[in-house]
Amino acid sequence: MEKQTFSIPNISCGHCVMTIKNGLSELEGVKAVEGDPEMKQITVEWEVPTTQEKIQSTLEEINYPAA
């Protein structure tokens, strides 16, 4: 299992965090997504077949690219 915190400058509220959670939860292998709108960060836990690249690509697709 891997875990990483991503900086997401576009996060402004809890709704943004929920949008990210919903988008990333569709990826097979994503186990947990937590977000902090004040810090503009999300923490993702995942395992194979998901990769960091897939997570970052999905973040871009849903208009919350990682910095």
N, C-alpha and C. Protein backbone atom coordinates (compact mmCIF):
# COMPACT_ATOMS: atom_id res chain seq x y z
N MET A 1 0.85 -1.18 0.00
CA MET A 1 0.00 0.00 0.00
C MET A 1 0.89 1.24 0.00
N GLU A 2 0.52 2.19 -0.83
CA GLU A 2 1.25 3.45 -0.89
C GLU A 2 0.38 4.57 -0.36
N LYS A 3 1.03 5.62 0.12
CA LYS A 3 0.31 6.78 0.65
C LYS A 3 1.09 8.03 0.29
N GLN A 4 0.36 9.03 -0.22
CA GLN A 4 1.03 10.27 -0.58
C GLN A 4 0.09 11.45 -0.38
N THR A 5 0.66 12.58 0.00
CA THR A 5 -0.09 13.82 0.12
C THR A 5 0.20 14.67 -1.10
N PHE A 6 -0.86 15.16 -1.72
CA PHE A 6 -0.75 16.00 -2.90
C PHE A 6 -1.21 17.41 -2.56
N SER A 7 -0.50 18.40 -3.07
CA SER A 7 -0.91 19.79 -2.92
C SER A 7 -1.83 20.14 -4.08
N ILE A 8 -3.04 20.62 -3.76
CA ILE A 8 -4.05 20.93 -4.78
C ILE A 8 -4.46 22.40 -4.61
N PRO A 9 -3.83 23.32 -5.35
CA PRO A 9 -4.12 24.75 -5.16
C PRO A 9 -5.58 25.14 -5.42
N ASN A 10 -6.30 24.38 -6.24
CA ASN A 10 -7.69 24.73 -6.59
C ASN A 10 -8.70 24.42 -5.49
N ILE A 11 -8.32 23.72 -4.43
CA ILE A 11 -9.26 23.40 -3.36
C ILE A 11 -9.62 24.68 -2.61
N SER A 12 -10.93 24.92 -2.46
CA SER A 12 -11.35 26.11 -1.70
C SER A 12 -12.36 25.78 -0.61
N CYS A 13 -12.93 24.55 -0.64
CA CYS A 13 -13.95 24.22 0.35
C CYS A 13 -14.12 22.71 0.47
N GLY A 14 -15.00 22.30 1.36
CA GLY A 14 -15.28 20.89 1.55
C GLY A 14 -15.90 20.24 0.32
N HIS A 15 -16.66 21.01 -0.45
CA HIS A 15 -17.27 20.47 -1.67
C HIS A 15 -16.18 20.05 -2.66
N CYS A 16 -15.11 20.84 -2.74
CA CYS A 16 -13.98 20.49 -3.61
C CYS A 16 -13.38 19.15 -3.18
N VAL A 17 -13.22 18.98 -1.88
CA VAL A 17 -12.65 17.73 -1.36
C VAL A 17 -13.56 16.56 -1.72
N MET A 18 -14.88 16.73 -1.60
CA MET A 18 -15.81 15.65 -1.94
C MET A 18 -15.74 15.31 -3.43
N THR A 19 -15.59 16.32 -4.28
CA THR A 19 -15.46 16.08 -5.72
C THR A 19 -14.22 15.25 -6.00
N ILE A 20 -13.13 15.58 -5.33
CA ILE A 20 -11.88 14.82 -5.50
C ILE A 20 -12.04 13.41 -4.98
N LYS A 21 -12.65 13.26 -3.80
CA LYS A 21 -12.87 11.92 -3.24
C LYS A 21 -13.69 11.06 -4.20
N ASN A 22 -14.77 11.63 -4.73
CA ASN A 22 -15.62 10.88 -5.65
C ASN A 22 -14.87 10.49 -6.91
N GLY A 23 -14.07 11.40 -7.45
CA GLY A 23 -13.32 11.11 -8.67
C GLY A 23 -12.26 10.05 -8.47
N LEU A 24 -11.51 10.15 -7.38
CA LEU A 24 -10.43 9.19 -7.15
C LEU A 24 -10.94 7.84 -6.67
N SER A 25 -12.08 7.83 -5.99
CA SER A 25 -12.63 6.56 -5.50
C SER A 25 -13.03 5.63 -6.63
N GLU A 26 -13.21 6.18 -7.84
CA GLU A 26 -13.56 5.34 -8.99
C GLU A 26 -12.36 4.54 -9.50
N LEU A 27 -11.15 4.93 -9.10
CA LEU A 27 -9.96 4.20 -9.53
C LEU A 27 -9.82 2.92 -8.72
N GLU A 28 -9.64 1.81 -9.44
CA GLU A 28 -9.46 0.52 -8.77
C GLU A 28 -8.15 0.55 -8.00
N GLY A 29 -8.21 0.23 -6.71
CA GLY A 29 -7.01 0.21 -5.88
C GLY A 29 -6.93 1.36 -4.90
N VAL A 30 -7.72 2.43 -5.12
CA VAL A 30 -7.72 3.54 -4.17
C VAL A 30 -8.47 3.11 -2.92
N LYS A 31 -7.82 3.20 -1.77
CA LYS A 31 -8.40 2.73 -0.52
C LYS A 31 -8.94 3.86 0.34
N ALA A 32 -8.29 5.03 0.30
CA ALA A 32 -8.74 6.15 1.14
C ALA A 32 -8.31 7.47 0.51
N VAL A 33 -9.18 8.46 0.65
CA VAL A 33 -8.87 9.82 0.21
C VAL A 33 -9.33 10.76 1.32
N GLU A 34 -8.40 11.54 1.86
CA GLU A 34 -8.73 12.53 2.88
C GLU A 34 -8.26 13.88 2.38
N GLY A 35 -9.01 14.92 2.70
CA GLY A 35 -8.64 16.24 2.23
C GLY A 35 -8.71 17.30 3.30
N ASP A 36 -7.93 18.35 3.12
CA ASP A 36 -7.93 19.49 4.04
C ASP A 36 -8.00 20.76 3.20
N PRO A 37 -9.21 21.38 3.12
CA PRO A 37 -9.36 22.58 2.29
C PRO A 37 -8.49 23.75 2.75
N GLU A 38 -8.23 23.86 4.05
CA GLU A 38 -7.42 24.97 4.55
C GLU A 38 -5.96 24.83 4.12
N MET A 39 -5.46 23.60 4.14
CA MET A 39 -4.07 23.35 3.73
C MET A 39 -3.96 23.16 2.22
N LYS A 40 -5.10 23.02 1.55
CA LYS A 40 -5.16 22.76 0.09
C LYS A 40 -4.37 21.49 -0.25
N GLN A 41 -4.66 20.42 0.53
CA GLN A 41 -3.98 19.14 0.33
C GLN A 41 -4.97 17.99 0.40
N ILE A 42 -4.62 16.91 -0.30
CA ILE A 42 -5.33 15.65 -0.15
C ILE A 42 -4.29 14.57 0.11
N THR A 43 -4.70 13.56 0.86
CA THR A 43 -3.85 12.40 1.12
C THR A 43 -4.57 11.19 0.55
N VAL A 44 -3.86 10.43 -0.26
CA VAL A 44 -4.45 9.27 -0.93
C VAL A 44 -3.67 8.02 -0.54
N GLU A 45 -4.41 6.96 -0.20
CA GLU A 45 -3.82 5.64 0.03
C GLU A 45 -4.29 4.73 -1.09
N TRP A 46 -3.34 4.02 -1.71
CA TRP A 46 -3.70 3.15 -2.82
C TRP A 46 -2.78 1.95 -2.91
N GLU A 47 -3.23 0.99 -3.73
CA GLU A 47 -2.43 -0.18 -4.05
C GLU A 47 -2.63 -0.52 -5.52
N VAL A 48 -1.86 -1.45 -6.02
CA VAL A 48 -1.96 -1.87 -7.42
C VAL A 48 -3.39 -2.28 -7.70
N PRO A 49 -3.97 -1.91 -8.83
CA PRO A 49 -3.34 -1.43 -10.06
C PRO A 49 -3.22 0.10 -10.17
N THR A 50 -3.66 0.85 -9.20
CA THR A 50 -3.55 2.30 -9.28
C THR A 50 -2.10 2.72 -9.10
N THR A 51 -1.72 3.79 -9.80
CA THR A 51 -0.37 4.35 -9.69
C THR A 51 -0.48 5.84 -9.39
N GLN A 52 0.63 6.41 -8.96
CA GLN A 52 0.66 7.86 -8.71
C GLN A 52 0.31 8.61 -10.01
N GLU A 53 0.79 8.11 -11.13
CA GLU A 53 0.51 8.76 -12.41
C GLU A 53 -0.99 8.75 -12.72
N LYS A 54 -1.67 7.64 -12.44
CA LYS A 54 -3.12 7.57 -12.67
C LYS A 54 -3.86 8.56 -11.77
N ILE A 55 -3.41 8.67 -10.54
CA ILE A 55 -4.04 9.62 -9.60
C ILE A 55 -3.87 11.04 -10.12
N GLN A 56 -2.65 11.40 -10.51
CA GLN A 56 -2.40 12.75 -10.99
C GLN A 56 -3.17 13.03 -12.28
N SER A 57 -3.27 12.05 -13.15
CA SER A 57 -4.03 12.20 -14.39
C SER A 57 -5.51 12.43 -14.10
N THR A 58 -6.04 11.66 -13.16
CA THR A 58 -7.45 11.82 -12.78
C THR A 58 -7.69 13.19 -12.16
N LEU A 59 -6.78 13.65 -11.33
CA LEU A 59 -6.91 14.98 -10.73
C LEU A 59 -6.97 16.05 -11.82
N GLU A 60 -6.16 15.92 -12.84
CA GLU A 60 -6.19 16.87 -13.96
C GLU A 60 -7.52 16.81 -14.68
N GLU A 61 -8.03 15.60 -14.91
CA GLU A 61 -9.30 15.42 -15.62
C GLU A 61 -10.47 16.08 -14.89
N ILE A 62 -10.44 16.06 -13.57
CA ILE A 62 -11.55 16.64 -12.80
C ILE A 62 -11.26 18.09 -12.38
N ASN A 63 -10.25 18.70 -13.01
CA ASN A 63 -9.90 20.11 -12.82
C ASN A 63 -9.36 20.45 -11.42
N TYR A 64 -8.67 19.49 -10.81
CA TYR A 64 -7.98 19.73 -9.55
C TYR A 64 -6.55 19.19 -9.68
N PRO A 65 -5.74 19.78 -10.60
CA PRO A 65 -4.39 19.25 -10.80
C PRO A 65 -3.51 19.45 -9.57
N ALA A 66 -2.64 18.47 -9.35
CA ALA A 66 -1.69 18.57 -8.24
C ALA A 66 -0.58 19.53 -8.63
N ALA A 67 -0.12 20.30 -7.65
CA ALA A 67 0.96 21.27 -7.91
C ALA A 67 2.30 20.58 -7.90
